[in-house]
Amino acid sequence: MKSFKKIMMAAVVLLSISVNAQIKNKKTETVKISGNCEMCKKKIETAGNLKKVAVVEWDVNSKMAKLTYDSTKTSSDEILSRIAKAGYDSDKFSATDEQYNKLHTCCQYDRKTTETTKKEEHKH
């Protein structure tokens, strides 16, 4: 089982190297994105990735994502906006309460109070 995990890790590393090699005008940034688990990792990366344009690699433990993208075709803001629409907050973009509430219960991380939440608290 341990050797299988090592083989899978090697395959992931090789795949990310080959995908990153296809991106032209490459720019790389590291950003914090909220999430909890491997399911979050899959959703965050799927939302941010664009073939030959952007690759997102999110670390479950650190909650940090490495964004590698073609700076002539997209930006970190566009990538983080897509990730927020999938339900995940970053320092620049927050998911709406509706988007966040669609996440599986294990994926619902502790959120900072959003403007929407603050407004709702003041109504009561």
PDB file of N, CA and C in Angstrom:
ATOM      1  N   MET A   1       0.817  -1.181   0.000  1.00  0.00           N
ATOM      2  CA  MET A   1       0.000   0.000   0.000  1.00  0.00           C
ATOM      3  C   MET A   1       0.871   1.259   0.000  1.00  0.00           C
ATOM      4  N   LYS A   2       1.968   1.240   0.775  1.00  0.00           N
ATOM      5  CA  LYS A   2       2.854   2.394   0.813  1.00  0.00           C
ATOM      6  C   LYS A   2       3.505   2.623  -0.547  1.00  0.00           C
ATOM      7  N   SER A   3       3.883   1.553  -1.229  1.00  0.00           N
ATOM      8  CA  SER A   3       4.501   1.716  -2.537  1.00  0.00           C
ATOM      9  C   SER A   3       3.488   2.257  -3.542  1.00  0.00           C
ATOM     10  N   PHE A   4       2.211   1.878  -3.417  1.00  0.00           N
ATOM     11  CA  PHE A   4       1.168   2.405  -4.291  1.00  0.00           C
ATOM     12  C   PHE A   4       1.039   3.915  -4.099  1.00  0.00           C
ATOM     13  N   LYS A   5       1.067   4.367  -2.835  1.00  0.00           N
ATOM     14  CA  LYS A   5       0.982   5.807  -2.550  1.00  0.00           C
ATOM     15  C   LYS A   5       2.175   6.540  -3.148  1.00  0.00           C
ATOM     16  N   LYS A   6       3.353   5.968  -3.062  1.00  0.00           N
ATOM     17  CA  LYS A   6       4.547   6.597  -3.632  1.00  0.00           C
ATOM     18  C   LYS A   6       4.437   6.699  -5.147  1.00  0.00           C
ATOM     19  N   ILE A   7       3.935   5.650  -5.775  1.00  0.00           N
ATOM     20  CA  ILE A   7       3.758   5.662  -7.234  1.00  0.00           C
ATOM     21  C   ILE A   7       2.743   6.735  -7.627  1.00  0.00           C
ATOM     22  N   MET A   8       1.642   6.825  -6.876  1.00  0.00           N
ATOM     23  CA  MET A   8       0.612   7.826  -7.172  1.00  0.00           C
ATOM     24  C   MET A   8       1.164   9.239  -6.999  1.00  0.00           C
ATOM     25  N   MET A   9       1.940   9.474  -5.956  1.00  0.00           N
ATOM     26  CA  MET A   9       2.537  10.794  -5.740  1.00  0.00           C
ATOM     27  C   MET A   9       3.480  11.153  -6.880  1.00  0.00           C
ATOM     28  N   ALA A  10       4.282  10.194  -7.311  1.00  0.00           N
ATOM     29  CA  ALA A  10       5.201  10.429  -8.430  1.00  0.00           C
ATOM     30  C   ALA A  10       4.419  10.756  -9.694  1.00  0.00           C
ATOM     31  N   ALA A  11       3.329  10.046  -9.917  1.00  0.00           N
ATOM     32  CA  ALA A  11       2.503  10.302 -11.099  1.00  0.00           C
ATOM     33  C   ALA A  11       1.909  11.701 -11.054  1.00  0.00           C
ATOM     34  N   VAL A  12       1.436  12.132  -9.888  1.00  0.00           N
ATOM     35  CA  VAL A  12       0.862  13.468  -9.733  1.00  0.00           C
ATOM     36  C   VAL A  12       1.926  14.534  -9.996  1.00  0.00           C
ATOM     37  N   VAL A  13       3.112  14.344  -9.446  1.00  0.00           N
ATOM     38  CA  VAL A  13       4.202  15.298  -9.664  1.00  0.00           C
ATOM     39  C   VAL A  13       4.551  15.391 -11.143  1.00  0.00           C
ATOM     40  N   LEU A  14       4.687  14.256 -11.799  1.00  0.00           N
ATOM     41  CA  LEU A  14       5.012  14.261 -13.225  1.00  0.00           C
ATOM     42  C   LEU A  14       3.905  14.904 -14.048  1.00  0.00           C
ATOM     43  N   LEU A  15       2.665  14.634 -13.707  1.00  0.00           N
ATOM     44  CA  LEU A  15       1.546  15.225 -14.422  1.00  0.00           C
ATOM     45  C   LEU A  15       1.531  16.736 -14.255  1.00  0.00           C
ATOM     46  N   SER A  16       1.754  17.222 -13.033  1.00  0.00           N
ATOM     47  CA  SER A  16       1.736  18.667 -12.814  1.00  0.00           C
ATOM     48  C   SER A  16       2.899  19.346 -13.531  1.00  0.00           C
ATOM     49  N   ILE A  17       4.031  18.682 -13.601  1.00  0.00           N
ATOM     50  CA  ILE A  17       5.173  19.243 -14.336  1.00  0.00           C
ATOM     51  C   ILE A  17       4.837  19.337 -15.819  1.00  0.00           C
ATOM     52  N   SER A  18       4.252  18.293 -16.393  1.00  0.00           N
ATOM     53  CA  SER A  18       3.939  18.318 -17.820  1.00  0.00           C
ATOM     54  C   SER A  18       2.841  19.322 -18.129  1.00  0.00           C
ATOM     55  N   VAL A  19       1.841  19.467 -17.246  1.00  0.00           N
ATOM     56  CA  VAL A  19       0.778  20.448 -17.463  1.00  0.00           C
ATOM     57  C   VAL A  19       1.336  21.857 -17.346  1.00  0.00           C
ATOM     58  N   ASN A  20       2.150  22.115 -16.320  1.00  0.00           N
ATOM     59  CA  ASN A  20       2.740  23.440 -16.157  1.00  0.00           C
ATOM     60  C   ASN A  20       3.650  23.804 -17.319  1.00  0.00           C
ATOM     61  N   ALA A  21       4.294  22.825 -17.923  1.00  0.00           N
ATOM     62  CA  ALA A  21       5.196  23.093 -19.039  1.00  0.00           C
ATOM     63  C   ALA A  21       4.430  23.592 -20.259  1.00  0.00           C
ATOM     64  N   GLN A  22       3.143  23.283 -20.355  1.00  0.00           N
ATOM     65  CA  GLN A  22       2.342  23.706 -21.494  1.00  0.00           C
ATOM     66  C   GLN A  22       1.852  25.148 -21.367  1.00  0.00           C
ATOM     67  N   ILE A  23       1.923  25.729 -20.203  1.00  0.00           N
ATOM     68  CA  ILE A  23       1.430  27.089 -19.983  1.00  0.00           C
ATOM     69  C   ILE A  23       2.491  28.090 -20.420  1.00  0.00           C
ATOM     70  N   LYS A  24       2.099  28.987 -21.321  1.00  0.00           N
ATOM     71  CA  LYS A  24       3.004  30.028 -21.799  1.00  0.00           C
ATOM     72  C   LYS A  24       2.793  31.287 -20.969  1.00  0.00           C
ATOM     73  N   ASN A  25       3.737  32.229 -21.031  1.00  0.00           N
ATOM     74  CA  ASN A  25       3.662  33.494 -20.283  1.00  0.00           C
ATOM     75  C   ASN A  25       3.311  33.222 -18.823  1.00  0.00           C
ATOM     76  N   LYS A  26       3.994  32.226 -18.263  1.00  0.00           N
ATOM     77  CA  LYS A  26       3.675  31.690 -16.946  1.00  0.00           C
ATOM     78  C   LYS A  26       3.936  32.690 -15.823  1.00  0.00           C
ATOM     79  N   LYS A  27       2.940  32.807 -14.956  1.00  0.00           N
ATOM     80  CA  LYS A  27       3.065  33.572 -13.724  1.00  0.00           C
ATOM     81  C   LYS A  27       2.584  32.663 -12.601  1.00  0.00           C
ATOM     82  N   THR A  28       3.251  32.710 -11.448  1.00  0.00           N
ATOM     83  CA  THR A  28       2.891  31.855 -10.324  1.00  0.00           C
ATOM     84  C   THR A  28       2.667  32.709  -9.086  1.00  0.00           C
ATOM     85  N   GLU A  29       1.593  32.408  -8.380  1.00  0.00           N
ATOM     86  CA  GLU A  29       1.281  33.084  -7.121  1.00  0.00           C
ATOM     87  C   GLU A  29       0.838  32.038  -6.108  1.00  0.00           C
ATOM     88  N   THR A  30       1.016  32.355  -4.835  1.00  0.00           N
ATOM     89  CA  THR A  30       0.557  31.490  -3.763  1.00  0.00           C
ATOM     90  C   THR A  30      -0.472  32.268  -2.959  1.00  0.00           C
ATOM     91  N   VAL A  31      -1.646  31.650  -2.756  1.00  0.00           N
ATOM     92  CA  VAL A  31      -2.741  32.315  -2.048  1.00  0.00           C
ATOM     93  C   VAL A  31      -3.392  31.349  -1.070  1.00  0.00           C
ATOM     94  N   LYS A  32      -4.036  31.911  -0.061  1.00  0.00           N
ATOM     95  CA  LYS A  32      -4.766  31.095   0.915  1.00  0.00           C
ATOM     96  C   LYS A  32      -6.207  30.944   0.436  1.00  0.00           C
ATOM     97  N   ILE A  33      -6.689  29.695   0.448  1.00  0.00           N
ATOM     98  CA  ILE A  33      -8.070  29.394   0.085  1.00  0.00           C
ATOM     99  C   ILE A  33      -8.633  28.474   1.170  1.00  0.00           C
ATOM    100  N   SER A  34      -9.788  28.846   1.706  1.00  0.00           N
ATOM    101  CA  SER A  34     -10.409  28.057   2.772  1.00  0.00           C
ATOM    102  C   SER A  34     -10.956  26.743   2.230  1.00  0.00           C
ATOM    103  N   GLY A  35     -10.872  25.711   3.041  1.00  0.00           N
ATOM    104  CA  GLY A  35     -11.378  24.390   2.705  1.00  0.00           C
ATOM    105  C   GLY A  35     -10.950  23.430   3.790  1.00  0.00           C
ATOM    106  N   ASN A  36     -11.400  22.169   3.705  1.00  0.00           N
ATOM    107  CA  ASN A  36     -11.120  21.215   4.779  1.00  0.00           C
ATOM    108  C   ASN A  36     -10.473  19.909   4.359  1.00  0.00           C
ATOM    109  N   CYS A  37     -10.840  19.376   3.197  1.00  0.00           N
ATOM    110  CA  CYS A  37     -10.550  17.972   2.946  1.00  0.00           C
ATOM    111  C   CYS A  37     -10.154  17.699   1.492  1.00  0.00           C
ATOM    112  N   GLU A  38      -9.968  16.430   1.182  1.00  0.00           N
ATOM    113  CA  GLU A  38      -9.604  16.022  -0.180  1.00  0.00           C
ATOM    114  C   GLU A  38     -10.721  16.345  -1.181  1.00  0.00           C
ATOM    115  N   MET A  39     -11.979  16.297  -0.729  1.00  0.00           N
ATOM    116  CA  MET A  39     -13.083  16.664  -1.614  1.00  0.00           C
ATOM    117  C   MET A  39     -12.989  18.153  -1.961  1.00  0.00           C
ATOM    118  N   CYS A  40     -12.633  18.974  -0.973  1.00  0.00           N
ATOM    119  CA  CYS A  40     -12.429  20.405  -1.215  1.00  0.00           C
ATOM    120  C   CYS A  40     -11.298  20.599  -2.220  1.00  0.00           C
ATOM    121  N   LYS A  41     -10.206  19.868  -2.031  1.00  0.00           N
ATOM    122  CA  LYS A  41      -9.057  19.963  -2.923  1.00  0.00           C
ATOM    123  C   LYS A  41      -9.489  19.737  -4.368  1.00  0.00           C
ATOM    124  N   LYS A  42     -10.256  18.687  -4.584  1.00  0.00           N
ATOM    125  CA  LYS A  42     -10.705  18.359  -5.940  1.00  0.00           C
ATOM    126  C   LYS A  42     -11.570  19.481  -6.516  1.00  0.00           C
ATOM    127  N   LYS A  43     -12.503  19.994  -5.715  1.00  0.00           N
ATOM    128  CA  LYS A  43     -13.407  21.043  -6.190  1.00  0.00           C
ATOM    129  C   LYS A  43     -12.671  22.356  -6.450  1.00  0.00           C
ATOM    130  N   ILE A  44     -11.755  22.725  -5.553  1.00  0.00           N
ATOM    131  CA  ILE A  44     -10.979  23.956  -5.711  1.00  0.00           C
ATOM    132  C   ILE A  44     -10.139  23.881  -6.976  1.00  0.00           C
ATOM    133  N   GLU A  45      -9.424  22.778  -7.143  1.00  0.00           N
ATOM    134  CA  GLU A  45      -8.550  22.628  -8.303  1.00  0.00           C
ATOM    135  C   GLU A  45      -9.351  22.552  -9.601  1.00  0.00           C
ATOM    136  N   THR A  46     -10.471  21.852  -9.583  1.00  0.00           N
ATOM    137  CA  THR A  46     -11.314  21.752 -10.776  1.00  0.00           C
ATOM    138  C   THR A  46     -11.869  23.123 -11.159  1.00  0.00           C
ATOM    139  N   ALA A  47     -12.305  23.901 -10.173  1.00  0.00           N
ATOM    140  CA  ALA A  47     -12.861  25.228 -10.441  1.00  0.00           C
ATOM    141  C   ALA A  47     -11.802  26.186 -10.995  1.00  0.00           C
ATOM    142  N   GLY A  48     -10.571  26.052 -10.522  1.00  0.00           N
ATOM    143  CA  GLY A  48      -9.521  26.985 -10.929  1.00  0.00           C
ATOM    144  C   GLY A  48      -8.775  26.603 -12.192  1.00  0.00           C
ATOM    145  N   ASN A  49      -8.720  25.327 -12.496  1.00  0.00           N
ATOM    146  CA  ASN A  49      -7.936  24.861 -13.641  1.00  0.00           C
ATOM    147  C   ASN A  49      -8.602  25.194 -14.973  1.00  0.00           C
ATOM    148  N   LEU A  50      -7.791  25.608 -15.935  1.00  0.00           N
ATOM    149  CA  LEU A  50      -8.200  25.782 -17.323  1.00  0.00           C
ATOM    150  C   LEU A  50      -7.098  25.188 -18.189  1.00  0.00           C
ATOM    151  N   LYS A  51      -7.450  24.267 -19.051  1.00  0.00           N
ATOM    152  CA  LYS A  51      -6.464  23.553 -19.869  1.00  0.00           C
ATOM    153  C   LYS A  51      -5.557  24.536 -20.623  1.00  0.00           C
ATOM    154  N   LYS A  52      -4.256  24.368 -20.432  1.00  0.00           N
ATOM    155  CA  LYS A  52      -3.197  25.156 -21.062  1.00  0.00           C
ATOM    156  C   LYS A  52      -3.224  26.637 -20.672  1.00  0.00           C
ATOM    157  N   VAL A  53      -4.061  26.997 -19.671  1.00  0.00           N
ATOM    158  CA  VAL A  53      -4.161  28.390 -19.242  1.00  0.00           C
ATOM    159  C   VAL A  53      -3.872  28.549 -17.747  1.00  0.00           C
ATOM    160  N   ALA A  54      -4.420  27.647 -16.919  1.00  0.00           N
ATOM    161  CA  ALA A  54      -4.256  27.797 -15.470  1.00  0.00           C
ATOM    162  C   ALA A  54      -4.251  26.449 -14.778  1.00  0.00           C
ATOM    163  N   VAL A  55      -3.358  26.328 -13.788  1.00  0.00           N
ATOM    164  CA  VAL A  55      -3.280  25.134 -12.954  1.00  0.00           C
ATOM    165  C   VAL A  55      -3.291  25.589 -11.496  1.00  0.00           C
ATOM    166  N   VAL A  56      -4.177  24.980 -10.714  1.00  0.00           N
ATOM    167  CA  VAL A  56      -4.269  25.269  -9.283  1.00  0.00           C
ATOM    168  C   VAL A  56      -3.879  24.006  -8.531  1.00  0.00           C
ATOM    169  N   GLU A  57      -2.965  24.153  -7.572  1.00  0.00           N
ATOM    170  CA  GLU A  57      -2.554  23.053  -6.707  1.00  0.00           C
ATOM    171  C   GLU A  57      -2.787  23.508  -5.270  1.00  0.00           C
ATOM    172  N   TRP A  58      -3.801  22.912  -4.617  1.00  0.00           N
ATOM    173  CA  TRP A  58      -4.183  23.314  -3.265  1.00  0.00           C
ATOM    174  C   TRP A  58      -3.729  22.275  -2.259  1.00  0.00           C
ATOM    175  N   ASP A  59      -3.114  22.726  -1.159  1.00  0.00           N
ATOM    176  CA  ASP A  59      -2.627  21.843  -0.112  1.00  0.00           C
ATOM    177  C   ASP A  59      -3.629  21.800   1.044  1.00  0.00           C
ATOM    178  N   VAL A  60      -4.134  20.611   1.355  1.00  0.00           N
ATOM    179  CA  VAL A  60      -5.144  20.409   2.393  1.00  0.00           C
ATOM    180  C   VAL A  60      -4.645  20.888   3.753  1.00  0.00           C
ATOM    181  N   ASN A  61      -3.385  20.644   4.075  1.00  0.00           N
ATOM    182  CA  ASN A  61      -2.856  20.971   5.405  1.00  0.00           C
ATOM    183  C   ASN A  61      -2.605  22.461   5.605  1.00  0.00           C
ATOM    184  N   SER A  62      -1.987  23.097   4.641  1.00  0.00           N
ATOM    185  CA  SER A  62      -1.640  24.511   4.793  1.00  0.00           C
ATOM    186  C   SER A  62      -2.754  25.447   4.336  1.00  0.00           C
ATOM    187  N   LYS A  63      -3.702  24.925   3.545  1.00  0.00           N
ATOM    188  CA  LYS A  63      -4.786  25.723   2.943  1.00  0.00           C
ATOM    189  C   LYS A  63      -4.239  26.737   1.939  1.00  0.00           C
ATOM    190  N   MET A  64      -3.038  26.494   1.452  1.00  0.00           N
ATOM    191  CA  MET A  64      -2.409  27.386   0.472  1.00  0.00           C
ATOM    192  C   MET A  64      -2.510  26.758  -0.915  1.00  0.00           C
ATOM    193  N   ALA A  65      -2.737  27.619  -1.901  1.00  0.00           N
ATOM    194  CA  ALA A  65      -2.835  27.152  -3.283  1.00  0.00           C
ATOM    195  C   ALA A  65      -1.763  27.836  -4.116  1.00  0.00           C
ATOM    196  N   LYS A  66      -1.162  27.058  -4.980  1.00  0.00           N
ATOM    197  CA  LYS A  66      -0.209  27.587  -5.947  1.00  0.00           C
ATOM    198  C   LYS A  66      -0.975  27.766  -7.252  1.00  0.00           C
ATOM    199  N   LEU A  67      -1.083  29.004  -7.715  1.00  0.00           N
ATOM    200  CA  LEU A  67      -1.741  29.313  -8.971  1.00  0.00           C
ATOM    201  C   LEU A  67      -0.674  29.528 -10.025  1.00  0.00           C
ATOM    202  N   THR A  68      -0.714  28.763 -11.084  1.00  0.00           N
ATOM    203  CA  THR A  68       0.203  28.938 -12.208  1.00  0.00           C
ATOM    204  C   THR A  68      -0.675  29.188 -13.422  1.00  0.00           C
ATOM    205  N   TYR A  69      -0.447  30.318 -14.101  1.00  0.00           N
ATOM    206  CA  TYR A  69      -1.346  30.675 -15.189  1.00  0.00           C
ATOM    207  C   TYR A  69      -0.649  31.500 -16.263  1.00  0.00           C
ATOM    208  N   ASP A  70      -1.276  31.525 -17.438  1.00  0.00           N
ATOM    209  CA  ASP A  70      -0.815  32.336 -18.563  1.00  0.00           C
ATOM    210  C   ASP A  70      -1.341  33.746 -18.325  1.00  0.00           C
ATOM    211  N   SER A  71      -0.456  34.662 -18.015  1.00  0.00           N
ATOM    212  CA  SER A  71      -0.851  36.016 -17.633  1.00  0.00           C
ATOM    213  C   SER A  71      -1.461  36.815 -18.787  1.00  0.00           C
ATOM    214  N   THR A  72      -1.344  36.313 -20.022  1.00  0.00           N
ATOM    215  CA  THR A  72      -1.976  37.007 -21.153  1.00  0.00           C
ATOM    216  C   THR A  72      -3.406  36.516 -21.393  1.00  0.00           C
ATOM    217  N   LYS A  73      -3.791  35.409 -20.738  1.00  0.00           N
ATOM    218  CA  LYS A  73      -5.122  34.832 -20.965  1.00  0.00           C
ATOM    219  C   LYS A  73      -6.033  34.865 -19.746  1.00  0.00           C
ATOM    220  N   THR A  74      -5.463  35.002 -18.546  1.00  0.00           N
ATOM    221  CA  THR A  74      -6.267  35.035 -17.319  1.00  0.00           C
ATOM    222  C   THR A  74      -5.494  35.766 -16.234  1.00  0.00           C
ATOM    223  N   SER A  75      -6.071  35.841 -15.059  1.00  0.00           N
ATOM    224  CA  SER A  75      -5.415  36.495 -13.923  1.00  0.00           C
ATOM    225  C   SER A  75      -5.751  35.721 -12.653  1.00  0.00           C
ATOM    226  N   SER A  76      -5.032  36.020 -11.596  1.00  0.00           N
ATOM    227  CA  SER A  76      -5.337  35.360 -10.325  1.00  0.00           C
ATOM    228  C   SER A  76      -6.739  35.736  -9.867  1.00  0.00           C
ATOM    229  N   ASP A  77      -7.173  36.969 -10.142  1.00  0.00           N
ATOM    230  CA  ASP A  77      -8.527  37.375  -9.759  1.00  0.00           C
ATOM    231  C   ASP A  77      -9.588  36.524 -10.458  1.00  0.00           C
ATOM    232  N   GLU A  78      -9.404  36.256 -11.743  1.00  0.00           N
ATOM    233  CA  GLU A  78     -10.367  35.426 -12.476  1.00  0.00           C
ATOM    234  C   GLU A  78     -10.393  34.006 -11.906  1.00  0.00           C
ATOM    235  N   ILE A  79      -9.224  33.471 -11.597  1.00  0.00           N
ATOM    236  CA  ILE A  79      -9.138  32.122 -11.032  1.00  0.00           C
ATOM    237  C   ILE A  79      -9.816  32.075  -9.671  1.00  0.00           C
ATOM    238  N   LEU A  80      -9.500  33.039  -8.804  1.00  0.00           N
ATOM    239  CA  LEU A  80     -10.076  33.059  -7.452  1.00  0.00           C
ATOM    240  C   LEU A  80     -11.576  33.326  -7.488  1.00  0.00           C
ATOM    241  N   SER A  81     -12.044  34.060  -8.470  1.00  0.00           N
ATOM    242  CA  SER A  81     -13.473  34.295  -8.633  1.00  0.00           C
ATOM    243  C   SER A  81     -14.196  32.988  -8.969  1.00  0.00           C
ATOM    244  N   ARG A  82     -13.606  32.192  -9.866  1.00  0.00           N
ATOM    245  CA  ARG A  82     -14.204  30.894 -10.209  1.00  0.00           C
ATOM    246  C   ARG A  82     -14.243  29.971  -8.987  1.00  0.00           C
ATOM    247  N   ILE A  83     -13.190  30.008  -8.197  1.00  0.00           N
ATOM    248  CA  ILE A  83     -13.124  29.172  -6.991  1.00  0.00           C
ATOM    249  C   ILE A  83     -14.175  29.626  -5.971  1.00  0.00           C
ATOM    250  N   ALA A  84     -14.364  30.938  -5.838  1.00  0.00           N
ATOM    251  CA  ALA A  84     -15.399  31.455  -4.930  1.00  0.00           C
ATOM    252  C   ALA A  84     -16.786  31.015  -5.385  1.00  0.00           C
ATOM    253  N   LYS A  85     -17.020  31.001  -6.693  1.00  0.00           N
ATOM    254  CA  LYS A  85     -18.316  30.559  -7.220  1.00  0.00           C
ATOM    255  C   LYS A  85     -18.557  29.080  -6.918  1.00  0.00           C
ATOM    256  N   ALA A  86     -17.475  28.328  -6.681  1.00  0.00           N
ATOM    257  CA  ALA A  86     -17.597  26.914  -6.296  1.00  0.00           C
ATOM    258  C   ALA A  86     -17.834  26.763  -4.792  1.00  0.00           C
ATOM    259  N   GLY A  87     -17.774  27.896  -4.043  1.00  0.00           N
ATOM    260  CA  GLY A  87     -18.088  27.866  -2.619  1.00  0.00           C
ATOM    261  C   GLY A  87     -16.927  28.112  -1.667  1.00  0.00           C
ATOM    262  N   TYR A  88     -15.761  28.457  -2.200  1.00  0.00           N
ATOM    263  CA  TYR A  88     -14.566  28.563  -1.361  1.00  0.00           C
ATOM    264  C   TYR A  88     -14.037  29.994  -1.302  1.00  0.00           C
ATOM    265  N   ASP A  89     -13.799  30.477  -0.076  1.00  0.00           N
ATOM    266  CA  ASP A  89     -13.318  31.833   0.164  1.00  0.00           C
ATOM    267  C   ASP A  89     -11.799  31.924   0.033  1.00  0.00           C
ATOM    268  N   SER A  90     -11.349  33.079  -0.442  1.00  0.00           N
ATOM    269  CA  SER A  90      -9.928  33.442  -0.427  1.00  0.00           C
ATOM    270  C   SER A  90      -9.857  34.843   0.177  1.00  0.00           C
ATOM    271  N   ASP A  91      -8.660  35.405   0.270  1.00  0.00           N
ATOM    272  CA  ASP A  91      -8.533  36.759   0.813  1.00  0.00           C
ATOM    273  C   ASP A  91      -9.178  37.795  -0.114  1.00  0.00           C
ATOM    274  N   LYS A  92      -9.231  37.508  -1.418  1.00  0.00           N
ATOM    275  CA  LYS A  92      -9.759  38.477  -2.377  1.00  0.00           C
ATOM    276  C   LYS A  92     -11.241  38.295  -2.689  1.00  0.00           C
ATOM    277  N   PHE A  93     -11.721  37.053  -2.686  1.00  0.00           N
ATOM    278  CA  PHE A  93     -13.103  36.767  -3.075  1.00  0.00           C
ATOM    279  C   PHE A  93     -13.748  35.827  -2.063  1.00  0.00           C
ATOM    280  N   SER A  94     -15.020  36.112  -1.754  1.00  0.00           N
ATOM    281  CA  SER A  94     -15.779  35.240  -0.859  1.00  0.00           C
ATOM    282  C   SER A  94     -16.945  34.639  -1.620  1.00  0.00           C
ATOM    283  N   ALA A  95     -17.212  33.388  -1.333  1.00  0.00           N
ATOM    284  CA  ALA A  95     -18.389  32.733  -1.892  1.00  0.00           C
ATOM    285  C   ALA A  95     -19.626  33.378  -1.269  1.00  0.00           C
ATOM    286  N   THR A  96     -20.719  33.382  -2.010  1.00  0.00           N
ATOM    287  CA  THR A  96     -21.968  33.844  -1.410  1.00  0.00           C
ATOM    288  C   THR A  96     -22.397  32.799  -0.385  1.00  0.00           C
ATOM    289  N   ASP A  97     -23.285  33.187   0.507  1.00  0.00           N
ATOM    290  CA  ASP A  97     -23.798  32.229   1.483  1.00  0.00           C
ATOM    291  C   ASP A  97     -24.466  31.058   0.764  1.00  0.00           C
ATOM    292  N   GLU A  98     -25.170  31.350  -0.319  1.00  0.00           N
ATOM    293  CA  GLU A  98     -25.846  30.298  -1.087  1.00  0.00           C
ATOM    294  C   GLU A  98     -24.833  29.307  -1.669  1.00  0.00           C
ATOM    295  N   GLN A  99     -23.730  29.825  -2.239  1.00  0.00           N
ATOM    296  CA  GLN A  99     -22.694  28.946  -2.801  1.00  0.00           C
ATOM    297  C   GLN A  99     -22.034  28.124  -1.703  1.00  0.00           C
ATOM    298  N   TYR A 100     -21.716  28.763  -0.583  1.00  0.00           N
ATOM    299  CA  TYR A 100     -21.096  28.073   0.547  1.00  0.00           C
ATOM    300  C   TYR A 100     -22.015  26.971   1.089  1.00  0.00           C
ATOM    301  N   ASN A 101     -23.299  27.272   1.218  1.00  0.00           N
ATOM    302  CA  ASN A 101     -24.253  26.315   1.787  1.00  0.00           C
ATOM    303  C   ASN A 101     -24.466  25.099   0.902  1.00  0.00           C
ATOM    304  N   LYS A 102     -24.094  25.171  -0.364  1.00  0.00           N
ATOM    305  CA  LYS A 102     -24.203  24.026  -1.276  1.00  0.00           C
ATOM    306  C   LYS A 102     -23.075  23.018  -1.065  1.00  0.00           C
ATOM    307  N   LEU A 103     -22.022  23.420  -0.342  1.00  0.00           N
ATOM    308  CA  LEU A 103     -20.912  22.510  -0.087  1.00  0.00           C
ATOM    309  C   LEU A 103     -21.369  21.359   0.800  1.00  0.00           C
ATOM    310  N   HIS A 104     -20.754  20.207   0.623  1.00  0.00           N
ATOM    311  CA  HIS A 104     -20.998  19.055   1.489  1.00  0.00           C
ATOM    312  C   HIS A 104     -20.667  19.471   2.916  1.00  0.00           C
ATOM    313  N   THR A 105     -21.331  18.898   3.897  1.00  0.00           N
ATOM    314  CA  THR A 105     -21.122  19.320   5.294  1.00  0.00           C
ATOM    315  C   THR A 105     -19.668  19.194   5.744  1.00  0.00           C
ATOM    316  N   CYS A 106     -18.940  18.181   5.252  1.00  0.00           N
ATOM    317  CA  CYS A 106     -17.535  18.055   5.659  1.00  0.00           C
ATOM    318  C   CYS A 106     -16.672  19.156   5.035  1.00  0.00           C
ATOM    319  N   CYS A 107     -17.176  19.791   3.993  1.00  0.00           N
ATOM    320  CA  CYS A 107     -16.425  20.839   3.295  1.00  0.00           C
ATOM    321  C   CYS A 107     -16.735  22.235   3.837  1.00  0.00           C
ATOM    322  N   GLN A 108     -17.724  22.355   4.708  1.00  0.00           N
ATOM    323  CA  GLN A 108     -18.097  23.667   5.234  1.00  0.00           C
ATOM    324  C   GLN A 108     -17.129  24.068   6.343  1.00  0.00           C
ATOM    325  N   TYR A 109     -16.167  24.869   5.961  1.00  0.00           N
ATOM    326  CA  TYR A 109     -15.098  25.353   6.839  1.00  0.00           C
ATOM    327  C   TYR A 109     -15.616  26.513   7.682  1.00  0.00           C
ATOM    328  N   ASP A 110     -14.872  26.876   8.726  1.00  0.00           N
ATOM    329  CA  ASP A 110     -15.214  28.041   9.535  1.00  0.00           C
ATOM    330  C   ASP A 110     -14.961  29.283   8.697  1.00  0.00           C
ATOM    331  N   ARG A 111     -15.979  30.117   8.559  1.00  0.00           N
ATOM    332  CA  ARG A 111     -15.881  31.315   7.725  1.00  0.00           C
ATOM    333  C   ARG A 111     -15.698  32.556   8.576  1.00  0.00           C
ATOM    334  N   LYS A 112     -15.050  33.545   7.989  1.00  0.00           N
ATOM    335  CA  LYS A 112     -15.037  34.875   8.571  1.00  0.00           C
ATOM    336  C   LYS A 112     -16.444  35.420   8.370  1.00  0.00           C
ATOM    337  N   THR A 113     -16.879  36.315   9.216  1.00  0.00           N
ATOM    338  CA  THR A 113     -18.197  36.888   9.058  1.00  0.00           C
ATOM    339  C   THR A 113     -18.226  37.712   7.787  1.00  0.00           C
ATOM    340  N   THR A 114     -19.164  37.402   6.901  1.00  0.00           N
ATOM    341  CA  THR A 114     -19.274  38.142   5.643  1.00  0.00           C
ATOM    342  C   THR A 114     -20.211  39.315   5.833  1.00  0.00           C
ATOM    343  N   GLU A 115     -20.216  40.234   4.882  1.00  0.00           N
ATOM    344  CA  GLU A 115     -21.118  41.376   4.936  1.00  0.00           C
ATOM    345  C   GLU A 115     -22.573  40.908   4.994  1.00  0.00           C
ATOM    346  N   THR A 116     -22.905  39.889   4.222  1.00  0.00           N
ATOM    347  CA  THR A 116     -24.268  39.360   4.220  1.00  0.00           C
ATOM    348  C   THR A 116     -24.633  38.851   5.605  1.00  0.00           C
ATOM    349  N   THR A 117     -23.712  38.112   6.222  1.00  0.00           N
ATOM    350  CA  THR A 117     -23.966  37.578   7.558  1.00  0.00           C
ATOM    351  C   THR A 117     -24.104  38.716   8.564  1.00  0.00           C
ATOM    352  N   LYS A 118     -23.247  39.742   8.467  1.00  0.00           N
ATOM    353  CA  LYS A 118     -23.324  40.878   9.376  1.00  0.00           C
ATOM    354  C   LYS A 118     -24.683  41.566   9.262  1.00  0.00           C
ATOM    355  N   LYS A 119     -25.163  41.766   8.023  1.00  0.00           N
ATOM    356  CA  LYS A 119     -26.454  42.422   7.809  1.00  0.00           C
ATOM    357  C   LYS A 119     -27.570  41.598   8.428  1.00  0.00           C
ATOM    358  N   GLU A 120     -27.503  40.270   8.275  1.00  0.00           N
ATOM    359  CA  GLU A 120     -28.531  39.404   8.841  1.00  0.00           C
ATOM    360  C   GLU A 120     -28.514  39.473  10.370  1.00  0.00           C
ATOM    361  N   GLU A 121     -27.321  39.554  10.972  1.00  0.00           N
ATOM    362  CA  GLU A 121     -27.232  39.622  12.434  1.00  0.00           C
ATOM    363  C   GLU A 121     -27.860  40.912  12.966  1.00  0.00           C
ATOM    364  N   HIS A 122     -27.713  42.028  12.223  1.00  0.00           N
ATOM    365  CA  HIS A 122     -28.241  43.302  12.666  1.00  0.00           C
ATOM    366  C   HIS A 122     -29.759  43.379  12.552  1.00  0.00           C
ATOM    367  N   LYS A 123     -30.353  42.550  11.710  1.00  0.00           N
ATOM    368  CA  LYS A 123     -31.807  42.548  11.558  1.00  0.00           C
ATOM    369  C   LYS A 123     -32.492  41.940  12.773  1.00  0.00           C
ATOM    370  N   HIS A 124     -31.800  41.077  13.493  1.00  0.00           N
ATOM    371  CA  HIS A 124     -32.429  40.352  14.610  1.00  0.00           C
ATOM    372  C   HIS A 124     -32.310  41.099  15.910  1.00  0.00           C
TER     373      HIS A 124
END
